[in-house]
Amino acid sequence: MNAGVEAARAGEAGRGFAVVASEVRALAQRSADAAKEIKTLISASNQQVVAGVDLVGQTGRALERIVAQIGEINGVVGEIAASAQEQSTGLVQVNTAVGQMDQTTQQNAAMVEESTAASHNLAQEAEQLASLIARFDLGGVVDTAPRPVKPRPAAPARPAPRHAPRPAVLAALPAAPGRADADDWEDF
C-alpha cells in the first residue's frame, strides 16, 4: 500500500511504479490465499494420516485376532485327528474281538459236533453192551430182547476233553459177578 501512495506522489513518473505495486499487491494476495489453501490441505492431510494410522492399528489388532483364531483352529484340528486315531484303534480292537468271537463260535460248533458224534457212538456201544449182557443168565431172569435205550436230554454244551474214542469198550469190562458153578454153565 505504501508503494501506491509513493507512486501517486511521483506523478507521471510513478505511474509505472504504481502498476508494479498493484501487481505485487495482487501477487501477495494470491500468495496469502495459496498459503491458506496449503494450510488447509496440510491440515486435511494430517487428519488423513491420523486416520490411516488408526486404520493400520485396527488392521494389526484384527490380524492378531486372526492369528489367535488360527491357533485355536489348529488345536481343534489336532484334537479331531487324535480322536480319529482313537476311533481307528477302537475299530481295530472291535474287529479283532469279532474275529475272536467268530473263531470261538466255530470251535464251539466243532466241539458240539464232536460231542454229538461221541454221544451217538456211546449210545450204539450201550445198545451193543445191553444186547451182550442180555444173553447171560443172571439168576433166573431171562431177557433175550435187547432193551431200547431212551435218549436223555442233552446236557448244556461244555468243552469236552479231546480223547481218542475207545474202540474196545467190551474188552475192558470185568467178568460178570456171580457163581461159576457147573450148573450155571449147563443151563447156558
N, C-alpha and C. Protein backbone atom coordinates (compact mmCIF):
# COMPACT_ATOMS: atom_id res chain seq x y z
N MET A 1 0.80 -1.17 0.00
CA MET A 1 0.00 0.00 0.00
C MET A 1 0.87 1.28 0.00
N ASN A 2 1.95 1.21 0.67
CA ASN A 2 2.86 2.36 0.68
C ASN A 2 3.40 2.63 -0.72
N ALA A 3 3.59 1.61 -1.49
CA ALA A 3 4.11 1.79 -2.84
C ALA A 3 3.12 2.56 -3.70
N GLY A 4 1.84 2.35 -3.52
CA GLY A 4 0.81 3.07 -4.30
C GLY A 4 0.79 4.54 -3.93
N VAL A 5 0.96 4.89 -2.66
CA VAL A 5 0.96 6.28 -2.21
C VAL A 5 2.18 6.99 -2.78
N GLU A 6 3.31 6.38 -2.78
CA GLU A 6 4.54 6.97 -3.30
C GLU A 6 4.42 7.15 -4.81
N ALA A 7 3.78 6.23 -5.50
CA ALA A 7 3.63 6.35 -6.96
C ALA A 7 2.70 7.51 -7.29
N ALA A 8 1.68 7.74 -6.51
CA ALA A 8 0.75 8.84 -6.76
C ALA A 8 1.47 10.17 -6.52
N ARG A 9 2.33 10.27 -5.63
CA ARG A 9 3.08 11.47 -5.35
C ARG A 9 4.07 11.76 -6.45
N ALA A 10 4.59 10.75 -7.01
CA ALA A 10 5.60 10.93 -8.05
C ALA A 10 4.97 11.44 -9.35
N GLY A 11 3.73 11.27 -9.49
CA GLY A 11 3.06 11.77 -10.70
C GLY A 11 3.22 10.80 -11.85
N GLU A 12 3.54 11.48 -13.02
CA GLU A 12 3.65 10.69 -14.24
C GLU A 12 4.78 9.69 -14.14
N ALA A 13 5.81 10.00 -13.52
CA ALA A 13 6.96 9.10 -13.45
C ALA A 13 6.66 7.93 -12.53
N GLY A 14 5.78 8.07 -11.64
CA GLY A 14 5.49 6.98 -10.70
C GLY A 14 4.39 6.06 -11.19
N ARG A 15 3.86 6.38 -12.38
CA ARG A 15 2.78 5.55 -12.89
C ARG A 15 3.23 4.11 -13.10
N GLY A 16 4.35 3.88 -13.68
CA GLY A 16 4.85 2.51 -13.91
C GLY A 16 5.09 1.79 -12.59
N PHE A 17 5.56 2.65 -11.67
CA PHE A 17 5.79 2.05 -10.35
C PHE A 17 4.47 1.64 -9.72
N ALA A 18 3.39 2.36 -9.98
CA ALA A 18 2.07 2.04 -9.43
C ALA A 18 1.56 0.74 -10.01
N VAL A 19 1.82 0.52 -11.30
CA VAL A 19 1.38 -0.73 -11.93
C VAL A 19 2.11 -1.90 -11.28
N VAL A 20 3.39 -1.72 -11.10
CA VAL A 20 4.18 -2.81 -10.49
C VAL A 20 3.71 -3.04 -9.07
N ALA A 21 3.41 -1.97 -8.36
CA ALA A 21 2.95 -2.11 -6.98
C ALA A 21 1.62 -2.84 -6.93
N SER A 22 0.75 -2.55 -7.89
CA SER A 22 -0.55 -3.23 -7.96
C SER A 22 -0.36 -4.72 -8.21
N GLU A 23 0.55 -5.01 -9.11
CA GLU A 23 0.82 -6.43 -9.41
C GLU A 23 1.43 -7.14 -8.20
N VAL A 24 2.28 -6.44 -7.50
CA VAL A 24 2.90 -7.03 -6.31
C VAL A 24 1.83 -7.27 -5.26
N ARG A 25 0.89 -6.31 -5.15
CA ARG A 25 -0.20 -6.47 -4.19
C ARG A 25 -1.06 -7.68 -4.54
N ALA A 26 -1.39 -7.84 -5.82
CA ALA A 26 -2.21 -8.97 -6.27
C ALA A 26 -1.45 -10.29 -6.03
N LEU A 27 -0.15 -10.23 -6.32
CA LEU A 27 0.66 -11.45 -6.10
C LEU A 27 0.72 -11.79 -4.62
N ALA A 28 0.80 -10.79 -3.78
CA ALA A 28 0.83 -11.04 -2.33
C ALA A 28 -0.50 -11.62 -1.86
N GLN A 29 -1.59 -11.09 -2.45
CA GLN A 29 -2.91 -11.62 -2.09
C GLN A 29 -3.04 -13.08 -2.51
N ARG A 30 -2.59 -13.36 -3.76
CA ARG A 30 -2.65 -14.75 -4.24
C ARG A 30 -1.76 -15.65 -3.39
N SER A 31 -0.60 -15.15 -2.99
CA SER A 31 0.30 -15.94 -2.14
C SER A 31 -0.34 -16.22 -0.79
N ALA A 32 -1.04 -15.23 -0.25
CA ALA A 32 -1.72 -15.43 1.03
C ALA A 32 -2.84 -16.45 0.88
N ASP A 33 -3.60 -16.31 -0.23
CA ASP A 33 -4.68 -17.29 -0.47
C ASP A 33 -4.09 -18.70 -0.64
N ALA A 34 -3.00 -18.79 -1.40
CA ALA A 34 -2.36 -20.10 -1.62
C ALA A 34 -1.84 -20.66 -0.30
N ALA A 35 -1.30 -19.80 0.55
CA ALA A 35 -0.79 -20.26 1.85
C ALA A 35 -1.93 -20.79 2.71
N LYS A 36 -3.09 -20.08 2.65
CA LYS A 36 -4.25 -20.57 3.41
C LYS A 36 -4.71 -21.93 2.86
N GLU A 37 -4.72 -22.01 1.52
CA GLU A 37 -5.14 -23.27 0.90
C GLU A 37 -4.18 -24.40 1.26
N ILE A 38 -2.88 -24.09 1.25
CA ILE A 38 -1.86 -25.11 1.60
C ILE A 38 -2.03 -25.50 3.06
N LYS A 39 -2.33 -24.51 3.90
CA LYS A 39 -2.54 -24.83 5.32
C LYS A 39 -3.73 -25.76 5.48
N THR A 40 -4.81 -25.48 4.73
CA THR A 40 -6.00 -26.34 4.79
C THR A 40 -5.66 -27.75 4.30
N LEU A 41 -4.91 -27.81 3.19
CA LEU A 41 -4.52 -29.13 2.64
C LEU A 41 -3.64 -29.89 3.62
N ILE A 42 -2.70 -29.19 4.26
CA ILE A 42 -1.82 -29.86 5.23
C ILE A 42 -2.63 -30.36 6.42
N SER A 43 -3.60 -29.56 6.85
CA SER A 43 -4.45 -29.98 7.97
C SER A 43 -5.27 -31.22 7.59
N ALA A 44 -5.84 -31.19 6.37
CA ALA A 44 -6.61 -32.36 5.91
C ALA A 44 -5.71 -33.58 5.78
N SER A 45 -4.50 -33.35 5.23
CA SER A 45 -3.55 -34.45 5.08
C SER A 45 -3.17 -35.02 6.44
N ASN A 46 -2.98 -34.13 7.40
CA ASN A 46 -2.63 -34.56 8.76
C ASN A 46 -3.76 -35.41 9.34
N GLN A 47 -5.01 -34.98 9.14
CA GLN A 47 -6.15 -35.76 9.64
C GLN A 47 -6.22 -37.13 8.95
N GLN A 48 -5.93 -37.14 7.64
CA GLN A 48 -5.95 -38.41 6.92
C GLN A 48 -4.82 -39.33 7.39
N VAL A 49 -3.68 -38.76 7.71
CA VAL A 49 -2.57 -39.57 8.24
C VAL A 49 -2.96 -40.16 9.58
N VAL A 50 -3.60 -39.34 10.43
CA VAL A 50 -4.04 -39.85 11.74
C VAL A 50 -5.06 -40.97 11.54
N ALA A 51 -6.01 -40.77 10.60
CA ALA A 51 -7.00 -41.82 10.33
C ALA A 51 -6.32 -43.07 9.77
N GLY A 52 -5.31 -42.87 8.90
CA GLY A 52 -4.57 -44.02 8.35
C GLY A 52 -3.84 -44.79 9.44
N VAL A 53 -3.23 -44.06 10.37
CA VAL A 53 -2.53 -44.71 11.49
C VAL A 53 -3.53 -45.51 12.32
N ASP A 54 -4.70 -44.93 12.55
CA ASP A 54 -5.74 -45.63 13.30
C ASP A 54 -6.18 -46.90 12.56
N LEU A 55 -6.37 -46.78 11.23
CA LEU A 55 -6.76 -47.96 10.45
C LEU A 55 -5.66 -49.03 10.47
N VAL A 56 -4.41 -48.61 10.40
CA VAL A 56 -3.30 -49.57 10.48
C VAL A 56 -3.31 -50.27 11.83
N GLY A 57 -3.58 -49.52 12.90
CA GLY A 57 -3.66 -50.14 14.23
C GLY A 57 -4.80 -51.14 14.31
N GLN A 58 -5.96 -50.76 13.76
CA GLN A 58 -7.10 -51.70 13.76
C GLN A 58 -6.78 -52.95 12.95
N THR A 59 -6.10 -52.75 11.81
CA THR A 59 -5.71 -53.89 10.97
C THR A 59 -4.75 -54.80 11.73
N GLY A 60 -3.80 -54.21 12.46
CA GLY A 60 -2.86 -55.01 13.25
C GLY A 60 -3.58 -55.83 14.31
N ARG A 61 -4.54 -55.19 15.00
CA ARG A 61 -5.29 -55.92 16.03
C ARG A 61 -6.14 -57.03 15.40
N ALA A 62 -6.73 -56.74 14.23
CA ALA A 62 -7.53 -57.77 13.54
C ALA A 62 -6.64 -58.94 13.13
N LEU A 63 -5.44 -58.64 12.64
CA LEU A 63 -4.51 -59.71 12.27
C LEU A 63 -4.10 -60.53 13.49
N GLU A 64 -3.91 -59.88 14.63
CA GLU A 64 -3.58 -60.61 15.86
C GLU A 64 -4.71 -61.55 16.25
N ARG A 65 -5.97 -61.07 16.14
CA ARG A 65 -7.11 -61.94 16.44
C ARG A 65 -7.18 -63.11 15.46
N ILE A 66 -6.91 -62.82 14.18
CA ILE A 66 -6.93 -63.88 13.17
C ILE A 66 -5.87 -64.93 13.49
N VAL A 67 -4.68 -64.49 13.86
CA VAL A 67 -3.60 -65.43 14.22
C VAL A 67 -4.01 -66.27 15.42
N ALA A 68 -4.64 -65.64 16.43
CA ALA A 68 -5.08 -66.39 17.61
C ALA A 68 -6.15 -67.41 17.24
N GLN A 69 -7.09 -67.01 16.37
CA GLN A 69 -8.14 -67.94 15.96
C GLN A 69 -7.58 -69.08 15.12
N ILE A 70 -6.57 -68.77 14.30
CA ILE A 70 -5.92 -69.84 13.53
C ILE A 70 -5.25 -70.83 14.49
N GLY A 71 -4.64 -70.32 15.56
CA GLY A 71 -4.06 -71.21 16.57
C GLY A 71 -5.11 -72.09 17.22
N GLU A 72 -6.27 -71.50 17.55
CA GLU A 72 -7.36 -72.29 18.14
C GLU A 72 -7.85 -73.35 17.16
N ILE A 73 -8.01 -72.96 15.89
CA ILE A 73 -8.46 -73.92 14.87
C ILE A 73 -7.45 -75.05 14.73
N ASN A 74 -6.17 -74.70 14.77
CA ASN A 74 -5.13 -75.72 14.68
C ASN A 74 -5.24 -76.70 15.85
N GLY A 75 -5.51 -76.18 17.05
CA GLY A 75 -5.69 -77.05 18.22
C GLY A 75 -6.89 -77.97 18.06
N VAL A 76 -8.01 -77.42 17.56
CA VAL A 76 -9.21 -78.23 17.37
C VAL A 76 -8.96 -79.31 16.32
N VAL A 77 -8.27 -78.95 15.24
CA VAL A 77 -7.96 -79.94 14.20
C VAL A 77 -7.06 -81.03 14.78
N GLY A 78 -6.12 -80.66 15.64
CA GLY A 78 -5.28 -81.67 16.29
C GLY A 78 -6.09 -82.60 17.16
N GLU A 79 -7.05 -82.05 17.91
CA GLU A 79 -7.92 -82.89 18.75
C GLU A 79 -8.76 -83.82 17.88
N ILE A 80 -9.27 -83.31 16.76
CA ILE A 80 -10.06 -84.15 15.85
C ILE A 80 -9.20 -85.29 15.32
N ALA A 81 -7.96 -84.98 14.95
CA ALA A 81 -7.06 -86.01 14.44
C ALA A 81 -6.79 -87.07 15.52
N ALA A 82 -6.58 -86.62 16.76
CA ALA A 82 -6.34 -87.58 17.85
C ALA A 82 -7.57 -88.44 18.08
N SER A 83 -8.76 -87.83 18.04
CA SER A 83 -9.99 -88.61 18.21
C SER A 83 -10.17 -89.61 17.09
N ALA A 84 -9.86 -89.20 15.87
CA ALA A 84 -9.96 -90.12 14.74
C ALA A 84 -9.00 -91.29 14.91
N GLN A 85 -7.80 -91.02 15.42
CA GLN A 85 -6.84 -92.09 15.66
C GLN A 85 -7.35 -93.05 16.73
N GLU A 86 -7.94 -92.49 17.81
CA GLU A 86 -8.50 -93.34 18.86
C GLU A 86 -9.65 -94.19 18.32
N GLN A 87 -10.49 -93.60 17.48
CA GLN A 87 -11.58 -94.37 16.88
C GLN A 87 -11.04 -95.48 15.99
N SER A 88 -9.99 -95.17 15.25
CA SER A 88 -9.38 -96.19 14.39
C SER A 88 -8.85 -97.34 15.24
N THR A 89 -8.18 -97.00 16.34
CA THR A 89 -7.67 -98.04 17.24
C THR A 89 -8.81 -98.85 17.83
N GLY A 90 -9.89 -98.16 18.24
CA GLY A 90 -11.06 -98.86 18.78
C GLY A 90 -11.69 -99.79 17.75
N LEU A 91 -11.77 -99.35 16.51
CA LEU A 91 -12.34 -100.20 15.46
C LEU A 91 -11.47 -101.43 15.21
N VAL A 92 -10.16 -101.24 15.28
CA VAL A 92 -9.26 -102.40 15.12
C VAL A 92 -9.50 -103.39 16.26
N GLN A 93 -9.66 -102.89 17.48
CA GLN A 93 -9.91 -103.77 18.62
C GLN A 93 -11.25 -104.47 18.49
N VAL A 94 -12.27 -103.74 18.03
CA VAL A 94 -13.59 -104.36 17.83
C VAL A 94 -13.49 -105.44 16.76
N ASN A 95 -12.78 -105.14 15.68
CA ASN A 95 -12.62 -106.11 14.60
C ASN A 95 -11.90 -107.36 15.10
N THR A 96 -10.87 -107.16 15.92
CA THR A 96 -10.15 -108.30 16.50
C THR A 96 -11.07 -109.12 17.40
N ALA A 97 -11.85 -108.44 18.23
CA ALA A 97 -12.78 -109.14 19.13
C ALA A 97 -13.82 -109.92 18.34
N VAL A 98 -14.34 -109.34 17.26
CA VAL A 98 -15.32 -110.05 16.43
C VAL A 98 -14.67 -111.27 15.79
N GLY A 99 -13.43 -111.12 15.34
CA GLY A 99 -12.71 -112.26 14.77
C GLY A 99 -12.53 -113.38 15.80
N GLN A 100 -12.18 -112.99 17.04
CA GLN A 100 -12.01 -113.99 18.09
C GLN A 100 -13.34 -114.65 18.43
N MET A 101 -14.42 -113.86 18.45
CA MET A 101 -15.74 -114.44 18.72
C MET A 101 -16.13 -115.42 17.62
N ASP A 102 -15.83 -115.07 16.38
CA ASP A 102 -16.13 -115.96 15.26
C ASP A 102 -15.33 -117.25 15.39
N GLN A 103 -14.06 -117.12 15.73
CA GLN A 103 -13.22 -118.31 15.91
C GLN A 103 -13.75 -119.17 17.06
N THR A 104 -14.12 -118.54 18.17
CA THR A 104 -14.66 -119.29 19.31
C THR A 104 -15.97 -119.97 18.94
N THR A 105 -16.81 -119.28 18.18
CA THR A 105 -18.08 -119.87 17.74
C THR A 105 -17.81 -121.09 16.87
N GLN A 106 -16.85 -120.99 15.97
CA GLN A 106 -16.52 -122.13 15.12
C GLN A 106 -15.97 -123.28 15.96
N GLN A 107 -15.13 -122.96 16.94
CA GLN A 107 -14.60 -124.01 17.81
C GLN A 107 -15.72 -124.67 18.61
N ASN A 108 -16.65 -123.86 19.12
CA ASN A 108 -17.78 -124.42 19.86
C ASN A 108 -18.63 -125.31 18.96
N ALA A 109 -18.86 -124.88 17.73
CA ALA A 109 -19.64 -125.69 16.80
C ALA A 109 -18.93 -127.02 16.53
N ALA A 110 -17.60 -126.97 16.38
CA ALA A 110 -16.85 -128.20 16.15
C ALA A 110 -16.94 -129.12 17.37
N MET A 111 -16.85 -128.53 18.58
CA MET A 111 -16.95 -129.35 19.80
C MET A 111 -18.34 -129.95 19.94
N VAL A 112 -19.37 -129.19 19.56
CA VAL A 112 -20.74 -129.73 19.62
C VAL A 112 -20.87 -130.90 18.66
N GLU A 113 -20.30 -130.75 17.46
CA GLU A 113 -20.35 -131.87 16.50
C GLU A 113 -19.61 -133.08 17.06
N GLU A 114 -18.44 -132.85 17.66
CA GLU A 114 -17.69 -133.95 18.25
C GLU A 114 -18.48 -134.59 19.39
N SER A 115 -19.10 -133.75 20.24
CA SER A 115 -19.89 -134.29 21.35
C SER A 115 -21.07 -135.09 20.84
N THR A 116 -21.72 -134.60 19.80
CA THR A 116 -22.86 -135.32 19.23
C THR A 116 -22.40 -136.66 18.67
N ALA A 117 -21.29 -136.66 17.96
CA ALA A 117 -20.77 -137.92 17.40
C ALA A 117 -20.39 -138.87 18.53
N ALA A 118 -19.74 -138.35 19.58
CA ALA A 118 -19.36 -139.21 20.70
C ALA A 118 -20.61 -139.74 21.40
N SER A 119 -21.64 -138.92 21.52
CA SER A 119 -22.89 -139.36 22.14
C SER A 119 -23.54 -140.47 21.34
N HIS A 120 -23.57 -140.33 20.01
CA HIS A 120 -24.14 -141.39 19.16
C HIS A 120 -23.32 -142.68 19.28
N ASN A 121 -21.99 -142.54 19.28
CA ASN A 121 -21.14 -143.73 19.44
C ASN A 121 -21.39 -144.39 20.78
N LEU A 122 -21.50 -143.59 21.84
CA LEU A 122 -21.75 -144.13 23.17
C LEU A 122 -23.10 -144.83 23.23
N ALA A 123 -24.12 -144.26 22.59
CA ALA A 123 -25.44 -144.90 22.57
C ALA A 123 -25.38 -146.23 21.84
N GLN A 124 -24.66 -146.27 20.72
CA GLN A 124 -24.53 -147.53 19.98
C GLN A 124 -23.79 -148.57 20.81
N GLU A 125 -22.71 -148.15 21.47
CA GLU A 125 -21.96 -149.09 22.30
C GLU A 125 -22.80 -149.57 23.48
N ALA A 126 -23.64 -148.69 24.06
CA ALA A 126 -24.51 -149.09 25.16
C ALA A 126 -25.54 -150.11 24.68
N GLU A 127 -26.08 -149.91 23.48
CA GLU A 127 -27.03 -150.89 22.93
C GLU A 127 -26.34 -152.24 22.71
N GLN A 128 -25.13 -152.20 22.17
CA GLN A 128 -24.39 -153.45 21.96
C GLN A 128 -24.10 -154.12 23.30
N LEU A 129 -23.71 -153.35 24.30
CA LEU A 129 -23.41 -153.89 25.61
C LEU A 129 -24.67 -154.50 26.23
N ALA A 130 -25.79 -153.79 26.13
CA ALA A 130 -27.05 -154.31 26.66
C ALA A 130 -27.43 -155.60 25.95
N SER A 131 -27.20 -155.65 24.66
CA SER A 131 -27.50 -156.87 23.89
C SER A 131 -26.62 -158.03 24.35
N LEU A 132 -25.34 -157.76 24.59
CA LEU A 132 -24.43 -158.82 25.04
C LEU A 132 -24.76 -159.27 26.46
N ILE A 133 -25.09 -158.34 27.35
CA ILE A 133 -25.41 -158.69 28.73
C ILE A 133 -26.71 -159.48 28.78
N ALA A 134 -27.63 -159.17 27.91
CA ALA A 134 -28.93 -159.85 27.90
C ALA A 134 -28.78 -161.33 27.58
N ARG A 135 -27.72 -161.74 26.98
CA ARG A 135 -27.52 -163.16 26.63
C ARG A 135 -27.10 -163.99 27.85
N PHE A 136 -26.59 -163.32 28.87
CA PHE A 136 -26.16 -164.06 30.06
C PHE A 136 -27.35 -164.36 30.95
N ASP A 137 -27.25 -165.52 31.67
CA ASP A 137 -28.27 -165.90 32.65
C ASP A 137 -27.88 -165.25 33.96
N LEU A 138 -28.73 -164.38 34.47
CA LEU A 138 -28.41 -163.64 35.68
C LEU A 138 -29.27 -164.10 36.85
N GLY A 139 -29.36 -165.36 37.08
CA GLY A 139 -30.08 -165.88 38.24
C GLY A 139 -31.55 -166.06 37.98
N GLY A 140 -31.94 -166.62 36.93
CA GLY A 140 -33.33 -166.95 36.67
C GLY A 140 -34.06 -165.93 35.82
N VAL A 141 -33.57 -164.78 35.69
CA VAL A 141 -34.24 -163.78 34.86
C VAL A 141 -33.69 -163.92 33.45
N VAL A 142 -34.58 -164.24 32.54
CA VAL A 142 -34.15 -164.43 31.16
C VAL A 142 -34.79 -163.31 30.33
N ASP A 143 -33.96 -162.52 29.77
CA ASP A 143 -34.44 -161.43 28.92
C ASP A 143 -33.54 -161.39 27.72
N THR A 144 -33.99 -161.96 26.64
CA THR A 144 -33.14 -162.06 25.46
C THR A 144 -33.33 -160.88 24.52
N ALA A 145 -34.38 -160.13 24.71
CA ALA A 145 -34.62 -158.99 23.81
C ALA A 145 -33.79 -157.79 24.26
N PRO A 146 -33.10 -157.20 23.36
CA PRO A 146 -32.35 -156.00 23.74
C PRO A 146 -33.31 -154.87 24.08
N ARG A 147 -32.97 -154.17 25.14
CA ARG A 147 -33.81 -153.06 25.57
C ARG A 147 -33.40 -151.80 24.80
N PRO A 148 -34.38 -151.10 24.30
CA PRO A 148 -34.01 -149.85 23.62
C PRO A 148 -33.55 -148.82 24.65
N VAL A 149 -32.56 -148.11 24.29
CA VAL A 149 -32.02 -147.08 25.17
C VAL A 149 -32.76 -145.79 24.90
N LYS A 150 -33.34 -145.24 26.00
CA LYS A 150 -34.06 -143.98 25.85
C LYS A 150 -33.04 -142.84 25.85
N PRO A 151 -33.13 -141.99 24.87
CA PRO A 151 -32.18 -140.87 24.87
C PRO A 151 -32.50 -139.89 25.99
N ARG A 152 -31.49 -139.43 26.63
CA ARG A 152 -31.64 -138.43 27.69
C ARG A 152 -31.51 -137.04 27.08
N PRO A 153 -32.13 -136.06 27.74
CA PRO A 153 -31.96 -134.70 27.21
C PRO A 153 -30.48 -134.30 27.25
N ALA A 154 -30.10 -133.57 26.24
CA ALA A 154 -28.69 -133.17 26.12
C ALA A 154 -28.33 -132.19 27.23
N ALA A 155 -27.18 -132.43 27.80
CA ALA A 155 -26.67 -131.52 28.83
C ALA A 155 -26.16 -130.26 28.14
N PRO A 156 -26.06 -129.18 28.88
CA PRO A 156 -25.52 -127.96 28.25
C PRO A 156 -24.14 -128.23 27.67
N ALA A 157 -23.88 -127.61 26.55
CA ALA A 157 -22.61 -127.84 25.86
C ALA A 157 -21.47 -127.26 26.67
N ARG A 158 -20.48 -128.06 26.92
CA ARG A 158 -19.25 -127.58 27.52
C ARG A 158 -18.10 -128.28 26.84
N PRO A 159 -16.99 -127.65 26.82
CA PRO A 159 -15.88 -128.24 26.09
C PRO A 159 -15.50 -129.60 26.68
N ALA A 160 -15.47 -130.58 25.84
CA ALA A 160 -15.09 -131.92 26.26
C ALA A 160 -13.60 -132.10 26.02
N PRO A 161 -12.93 -132.83 26.91
CA PRO A 161 -11.52 -133.07 26.66
C PRO A 161 -11.38 -133.93 25.41
N ARG A 162 -10.37 -133.65 24.69
CA ARG A 162 -10.16 -134.37 23.44
C ARG A 162 -9.42 -135.67 23.73
N HIS A 163 -10.16 -136.77 23.66
CA HIS A 163 -9.58 -138.10 23.82
C HIS A 163 -9.90 -138.90 22.58
N ALA A 164 -9.06 -139.83 22.30
CA ALA A 164 -9.34 -140.73 21.18
C ALA A 164 -10.47 -141.66 21.61
N PRO A 165 -11.45 -141.95 20.71
CA PRO A 165 -12.54 -142.86 21.08
C PRO A 165 -11.99 -144.24 21.44
N ARG A 166 -12.66 -144.89 22.38
CA ARG A 166 -12.20 -146.21 22.83
C ARG A 166 -12.91 -147.29 22.01
N PRO A 167 -12.25 -147.93 21.08
CA PRO A 167 -12.91 -148.92 20.24
C PRO A 167 -13.18 -150.23 20.96
N ALA A 168 -12.41 -150.53 21.97
CA ALA A 168 -12.57 -151.83 22.60
C ALA A 168 -13.15 -151.66 23.99
N VAL A 169 -14.37 -151.14 24.11
CA VAL A 169 -15.01 -150.95 25.40
C VAL A 169 -15.31 -152.30 26.04
N LEU A 170 -15.73 -153.24 25.25
CA LEU A 170 -16.11 -154.54 25.79
C LEU A 170 -14.91 -155.30 26.35
N ALA A 171 -13.76 -155.12 25.78
CA ALA A 171 -12.58 -155.83 26.25
C ALA A 171 -12.17 -155.37 27.63
N ALA A 172 -12.49 -154.15 27.99
CA ALA A 172 -12.09 -153.62 29.28
C ALA A 172 -13.10 -153.92 30.38
N LEU A 173 -14.26 -154.51 30.09
CA LEU A 173 -15.27 -154.80 31.10
C LEU A 173 -14.84 -155.97 31.96
N PRO A 174 -15.08 -155.92 33.27
CA PRO A 174 -14.76 -157.07 34.13
C PRO A 174 -15.79 -158.19 33.91
N ALA A 175 -15.41 -159.35 34.33
CA ALA A 175 -16.32 -160.50 34.19
C ALA A 175 -17.54 -160.29 35.06
N ALA A 176 -18.67 -160.84 34.65
CA ALA A 176 -19.93 -160.68 35.38
C ALA A 176 -19.81 -161.33 36.75
N PRO A 177 -20.24 -160.64 37.81
CA PRO A 177 -20.15 -161.23 39.15
C PRO A 177 -21.15 -162.37 39.30
N GLY A 178 -20.84 -163.28 40.16
CA GLY A 178 -21.75 -164.41 40.39
C GLY A 178 -20.98 -165.70 40.60
N ARG A 179 -21.74 -166.78 40.71
CA ARG A 179 -21.10 -168.07 40.93
C ARG A 179 -20.69 -168.67 39.62
N ALA A 180 -19.62 -169.33 39.63
CA ALA A 180 -19.16 -170.02 38.43
C ALA A 180 -19.38 -171.51 38.62
N ASP A 181 -20.60 -171.88 38.99
CA ASP A 181 -20.91 -173.29 39.21
C ASP A 181 -21.10 -174.00 37.88
N ALA A 182 -20.98 -175.28 37.95
CA ALA A 182 -21.17 -176.09 36.75
C ALA A 182 -22.62 -176.07 36.33
N ASP A 183 -23.57 -175.89 37.32
CA ASP A 183 -24.99 -175.86 36.98
C ASP A 183 -25.32 -174.66 36.10
N ASP A 184 -24.68 -173.55 36.40
CA ASP A 184 -24.96 -172.35 35.61
C ASP A 184 -24.54 -172.56 34.17
N TRP A 185 -23.48 -173.24 33.99
CA TRP A 185 -22.99 -173.42 32.62
C TRP A 185 -23.82 -174.44 31.87
N GLU A 186 -24.44 -175.32 32.59
CA GLU A 186 -25.25 -176.32 31.90
C GLU A 186 -26.49 -175.68 31.33
N ASP A 187 -27.07 -174.72 32.03
CA ASP A 187 -28.26 -174.06 31.51
C ASP A 187 -27.92 -173.21 30.29
N PHE A 188 -26.78 -172.78 30.24
CA PHE A 188 -26.40 -171.89 29.15
C PHE A 188 -26.18 -172.71 27.92
